[in-house]
Each structure stands twice: as C-alpha cells, then as structure tokens.
C-alpha cells in the first residue's frame, strides 16, 4: 500500500544510506520492517484493546469518519 509520510532530512539520509548498503532501490521494505518491529514491541494489551473495535463501526459511521479525516488532511496541508 502506498502512502506519503513526512520525515526529517536526517532520517531520509539514513534510510537512503541503508537502502544502498542493502542494495535495495527504495526504502519501503526498511520502513515496513521498522513498523513491524515497533508494533511487535507495543503492549499486547494495547493491541488487543484496539482489535476490539474491528467491525464495530456501521458503514454510515465509517463514511463519516472518512469524510472527517479527508477534511482534516486537506486543512492540514493548506495551513
């Protein structure tokens, strides 16, 4: 899945350097590995409480959230 993130110039340089050392064209795999490690280190209890929400939103409520998030992102980018 593609997404856009903002990172510091220093982290970008470190990612690019590591990707070159690993002979990878980009650093998506490195980011994915880092996120996986981060989530593995999070509290199991916290992860389970988040999973309790899976499937709880109605389609209408989900659409409202999506609309709200899009609005927030649009306003964030324009500020």
N, C-alpha and C. Protein backbone atom coordinates (compact mmCIF):
# COMPACT_ATOMS: atom_id res chain seq x y z
N UNK A 1 0.84 -1.17 0.00
CA UNK A 1 0.00 0.00 0.00
C UNK A 1 0.89 1.24 0.00
N UNK A 2 0.56 2.18 -0.83
CA UNK A 2 1.33 3.42 -0.92
C UNK A 2 0.78 4.45 0.05
N UNK A 3 1.67 5.26 0.60
CA UNK A 3 1.28 6.37 1.46
C UNK A 3 2.39 7.41 1.44
N UNK A 4 2.09 8.59 1.91
CA UNK A 4 3.08 9.65 1.99
C UNK A 4 3.32 9.97 3.45
N UNK A 5 4.59 10.08 3.83
CA UNK A 5 4.92 10.44 5.21
C UNK A 5 5.93 11.58 5.19
N UNK A 6 5.96 12.34 6.26
CA UNK A 6 6.94 13.40 6.43
C UNK A 6 8.00 12.90 7.42
N UNK A 7 9.25 12.93 7.01
CA UNK A 7 10.34 12.54 7.90
C UNK A 7 11.43 13.60 7.84
N UNK A 8 12.29 13.58 8.83
CA UNK A 8 13.37 14.57 8.86
C UNK A 8 14.39 14.27 7.76
N UNK A 9 15.12 15.28 7.39
CA UNK A 9 16.16 15.11 6.37
C UNK A 9 17.21 14.10 6.84
N UNK A 10 17.51 14.16 8.13
CA UNK A 10 18.50 13.22 8.70
C UNK A 10 18.02 11.78 8.55
N UNK A 11 16.76 11.50 8.90
CA UNK A 11 16.24 10.15 8.76
C UNK A 11 16.18 9.72 7.30
N UNK A 12 15.84 10.65 6.43
CA UNK A 12 15.81 10.33 5.00
C UNK A 12 17.19 9.91 4.51
N UNK A 13 18.20 10.64 4.93
CA UNK A 13 19.58 10.31 4.55
C UNK A 13 19.98 8.94 5.09
N UNK A 14 19.63 8.67 6.34
CA UNK A 14 19.96 7.38 6.94
C UNK A 14 19.23 6.24 6.22
N UNK A 15 17.97 6.46 5.88
CA UNK A 15 17.22 5.44 5.14
C UNK A 15 17.83 5.18 3.78
N UNK A 16 18.16 6.24 3.07
CA UNK A 16 18.75 6.09 1.75
C UNK A 16 20.09 5.35 1.83
N UNK A 17 20.89 5.69 2.83
CA UNK A 17 22.19 5.04 3.02
C UNK A 17 22.01 3.55 3.29
N UNK A 18 21.06 3.23 4.18
CA UNK A 18 20.82 1.82 4.50
C UNK A 18 20.31 1.07 3.28
N UNK A 19 19.43 1.68 2.51
CA UNK A 19 18.91 1.03 1.30
C UNK A 19 20.04 0.75 0.31
N UNK A 20 20.95 1.69 0.16
CA UNK A 20 22.09 1.49 -0.73
C UNK A 20 22.96 0.34 -0.23
N UNK A 21 23.22 0.32 1.07
CA UNK A 21 24.02 -0.76 1.64
C UNK A 21 23.36 -2.12 1.43
N UNK A 22 22.04 -2.15 1.48
CA UNK A 22 21.30 -3.41 1.30
C UNK A 22 20.99 -3.69 -0.17
N UNK A 23 21.47 -2.80 -1.05
CA UNK A 23 21.26 -2.94 -2.49
C UNK A 23 19.76 -3.00 -2.85
N UNK A 24 19.00 -2.13 -2.19
CA UNK A 24 17.57 -2.01 -2.47
C UNK A 24 17.33 -0.70 -3.20
N UNK A 25 16.36 -0.69 -4.09
CA UNK A 25 16.08 0.51 -4.89
C UNK A 25 15.45 1.63 -4.06
N UNK A 26 14.64 1.29 -3.09
CA UNK A 26 13.98 2.27 -2.24
C UNK A 26 14.07 1.84 -0.80
N UNK A 27 13.31 2.50 0.05
CA UNK A 27 13.37 2.11 1.45
C UNK A 27 12.02 1.70 2.03
N UNK A 28 11.09 1.32 1.16
CA UNK A 28 9.79 0.85 1.64
C UNK A 28 9.93 -0.38 2.54
N UNK A 29 10.78 -1.31 2.13
CA UNK A 29 10.97 -2.54 2.92
C UNK A 29 11.54 -2.22 4.30
N UNK A 30 12.45 -1.26 4.35
CA UNK A 30 13.05 -0.86 5.63
C UNK A 30 11.99 -0.24 6.54
N UNK A 31 11.16 0.63 5.98
CA UNK A 31 10.08 1.26 6.76
C UNK A 31 9.12 0.20 7.26
N UNK A 32 8.75 -0.74 6.38
CA UNK A 32 7.83 -1.81 6.77
C UNK A 32 8.42 -2.65 7.90
N UNK A 33 9.71 -2.98 7.81
CA UNK A 33 10.37 -3.74 8.88
C UNK A 33 10.39 -2.96 10.18
N UNK A 34 10.65 -1.66 10.10
CA UNK A 34 10.69 -0.82 11.30
C UNK A 34 9.31 -0.73 11.95
N UNK A 35 8.28 -0.57 11.14
CA UNK A 35 6.92 -0.51 11.69
C UNK A 35 6.54 -1.85 12.33
N UNK A 36 6.89 -2.94 11.65
CA UNK A 36 6.61 -4.26 12.22
C UNK A 36 7.27 -4.42 13.59
N UNK A 37 8.54 -4.04 13.68
CA UNK A 37 9.26 -4.14 14.95
C UNK A 37 8.62 -3.24 16.01
N UNK A 38 8.23 -2.04 15.60
CA UNK A 38 7.60 -1.11 16.54
C UNK A 38 6.32 -1.70 17.11
N UNK A 39 5.45 -2.22 16.23
CA UNK A 39 4.19 -2.77 16.69
C UNK A 39 4.38 -4.05 17.50
N UNK A 40 5.41 -4.81 17.21
CA UNK A 40 5.70 -6.01 17.99
C UNK A 40 6.09 -5.64 19.42
N UNK A 41 6.72 -4.49 19.59
CA UNK A 41 7.18 -4.05 20.90
C UNK A 41 6.10 -3.33 21.70
N UNK A 42 4.98 -3.02 21.08
CA UNK A 42 3.88 -2.36 21.79
C UNK A 42 3.24 -3.36 22.74
N UNK A 43 2.58 -2.81 23.72
CA UNK A 43 1.89 -3.63 24.71
C UNK A 43 0.86 -4.54 24.05
N UNK A 44 0.89 -5.82 24.37
CA UNK A 44 -0.09 -6.77 23.85
C UNK A 44 -1.48 -6.35 24.27
N UNK A 45 -1.61 -5.86 25.50
CA UNK A 45 -2.91 -5.42 26.00
C UNK A 45 -3.45 -4.26 25.16
N UNK A 46 -2.57 -3.32 24.81
CA UNK A 46 -2.97 -2.18 23.98
C UNK A 46 -3.44 -2.66 22.61
N UNK A 47 -2.69 -3.56 22.00
CA UNK A 47 -3.06 -4.09 20.69
C UNK A 47 -4.40 -4.82 20.74
N UNK A 48 -4.62 -5.58 21.80
CA UNK A 48 -5.88 -6.31 21.92
C UNK A 48 -7.05 -5.35 22.09
N UNK A 49 -6.86 -4.26 22.86
CA UNK A 49 -7.96 -3.31 23.04
C UNK A 49 -8.31 -2.63 21.72
N UNK A 50 -7.32 -2.38 20.87
CA UNK A 50 -7.60 -1.79 19.57
C UNK A 50 -8.34 -2.77 18.67
N UNK A 51 -7.99 -4.05 18.77
CA UNK A 51 -8.65 -5.06 17.94
C UNK A 51 -10.12 -5.23 18.30
N UNK A 52 -10.50 -4.86 19.54
CA UNK A 52 -11.89 -4.98 19.95
C UNK A 52 -12.81 -4.10 19.10
N UNK A 53 -12.26 -3.05 18.49
CA UNK A 53 -13.07 -2.14 17.68
C UNK A 53 -13.31 -2.65 16.26
N UNK A 54 -12.58 -3.67 15.86
CA UNK A 54 -12.72 -4.19 14.49
C UNK A 54 -14.16 -4.65 14.25
N UNK A 55 -14.73 -4.11 13.18
CA UNK A 55 -16.09 -4.49 12.80
C UNK A 55 -17.19 -3.81 13.60
N UNK A 56 -16.87 -2.84 14.46
CA UNK A 56 -17.86 -2.21 15.31
C UNK A 56 -18.54 -1.01 14.66
N UNK A 57 -17.91 -0.38 13.67
CA UNK A 57 -18.49 0.80 13.05
C UNK A 57 -19.52 0.40 12.00
N UNK A 58 -20.61 1.14 11.98
CA UNK A 58 -21.56 0.95 10.90
C UNK A 58 -20.96 1.57 9.64
N UNK A 59 -21.48 1.19 8.50
CA UNK A 59 -20.98 1.74 7.24
C UNK A 59 -21.17 3.26 7.20
N UNK A 60 -22.31 3.75 7.67
CA UNK A 60 -22.55 5.20 7.69
C UNK A 60 -21.56 5.92 8.59
N UNK A 61 -21.31 5.35 9.77
CA UNK A 61 -20.38 6.00 10.71
C UNK A 61 -18.96 5.98 10.14
N UNK A 62 -18.60 4.88 9.49
CA UNK A 62 -17.28 4.79 8.87
C UNK A 62 -17.14 5.86 7.79
N UNK A 63 -18.18 6.03 6.97
CA UNK A 63 -18.14 7.06 5.93
C UNK A 63 -18.00 8.46 6.53
N UNK A 64 -18.64 8.70 7.67
CA UNK A 64 -18.49 9.99 8.36
C UNK A 64 -17.04 10.20 8.80
N UNK A 65 -16.44 9.15 9.37
CA UNK A 65 -15.05 9.25 9.80
C UNK A 65 -14.12 9.52 8.62
N UNK A 66 -14.35 8.81 7.53
CA UNK A 66 -13.51 9.00 6.33
C UNK A 66 -13.64 10.44 5.85
N UNK A 67 -14.84 10.96 5.81
CA UNK A 67 -15.07 12.34 5.39
C UNK A 67 -14.35 13.31 6.33
N UNK A 68 -14.45 13.07 7.64
CA UNK A 68 -13.78 13.94 8.62
C UNK A 68 -12.26 13.91 8.46
N UNK A 69 -11.72 12.72 8.25
CA UNK A 69 -10.27 12.58 8.10
C UNK A 69 -9.80 13.30 6.84
N UNK A 70 -10.55 13.14 5.74
CA UNK A 70 -10.18 13.82 4.50
C UNK A 70 -10.21 15.33 4.69
N UNK A 71 -11.19 15.82 5.40
CA UNK A 71 -11.29 17.25 5.65
C UNK A 71 -10.11 17.74 6.50
N UNK A 72 -9.79 16.99 7.53
CA UNK A 72 -8.65 17.35 8.39
C UNK A 72 -7.34 17.35 7.61
N UNK A 73 -7.15 16.33 6.78
CA UNK A 73 -5.92 16.25 5.98
C UNK A 73 -5.84 17.41 5.00
N UNK A 74 -6.95 17.76 4.38
CA UNK A 74 -6.97 18.86 3.43
C UNK A 74 -6.62 20.17 4.13
N UNK A 75 -7.20 20.39 5.30
CA UNK A 75 -6.92 21.61 6.06
C UNK A 75 -5.49 21.64 6.56
N UNK A 76 -4.95 20.49 6.93
CA UNK A 76 -3.57 20.41 7.42
C UNK A 76 -2.60 20.78 6.32
N UNK A 77 -2.84 20.28 5.13
CA UNK A 77 -1.94 20.55 4.01
C UNK A 77 -2.02 22.00 3.55
N UNK A 78 -3.14 22.66 3.77
CA UNK A 78 -3.31 24.04 3.33
C UNK A 78 -2.90 25.05 4.40
N UNK A 79 -2.47 24.59 5.56
CA UNK A 79 -2.08 25.55 6.60
C UNK A 79 -0.60 25.77 6.63
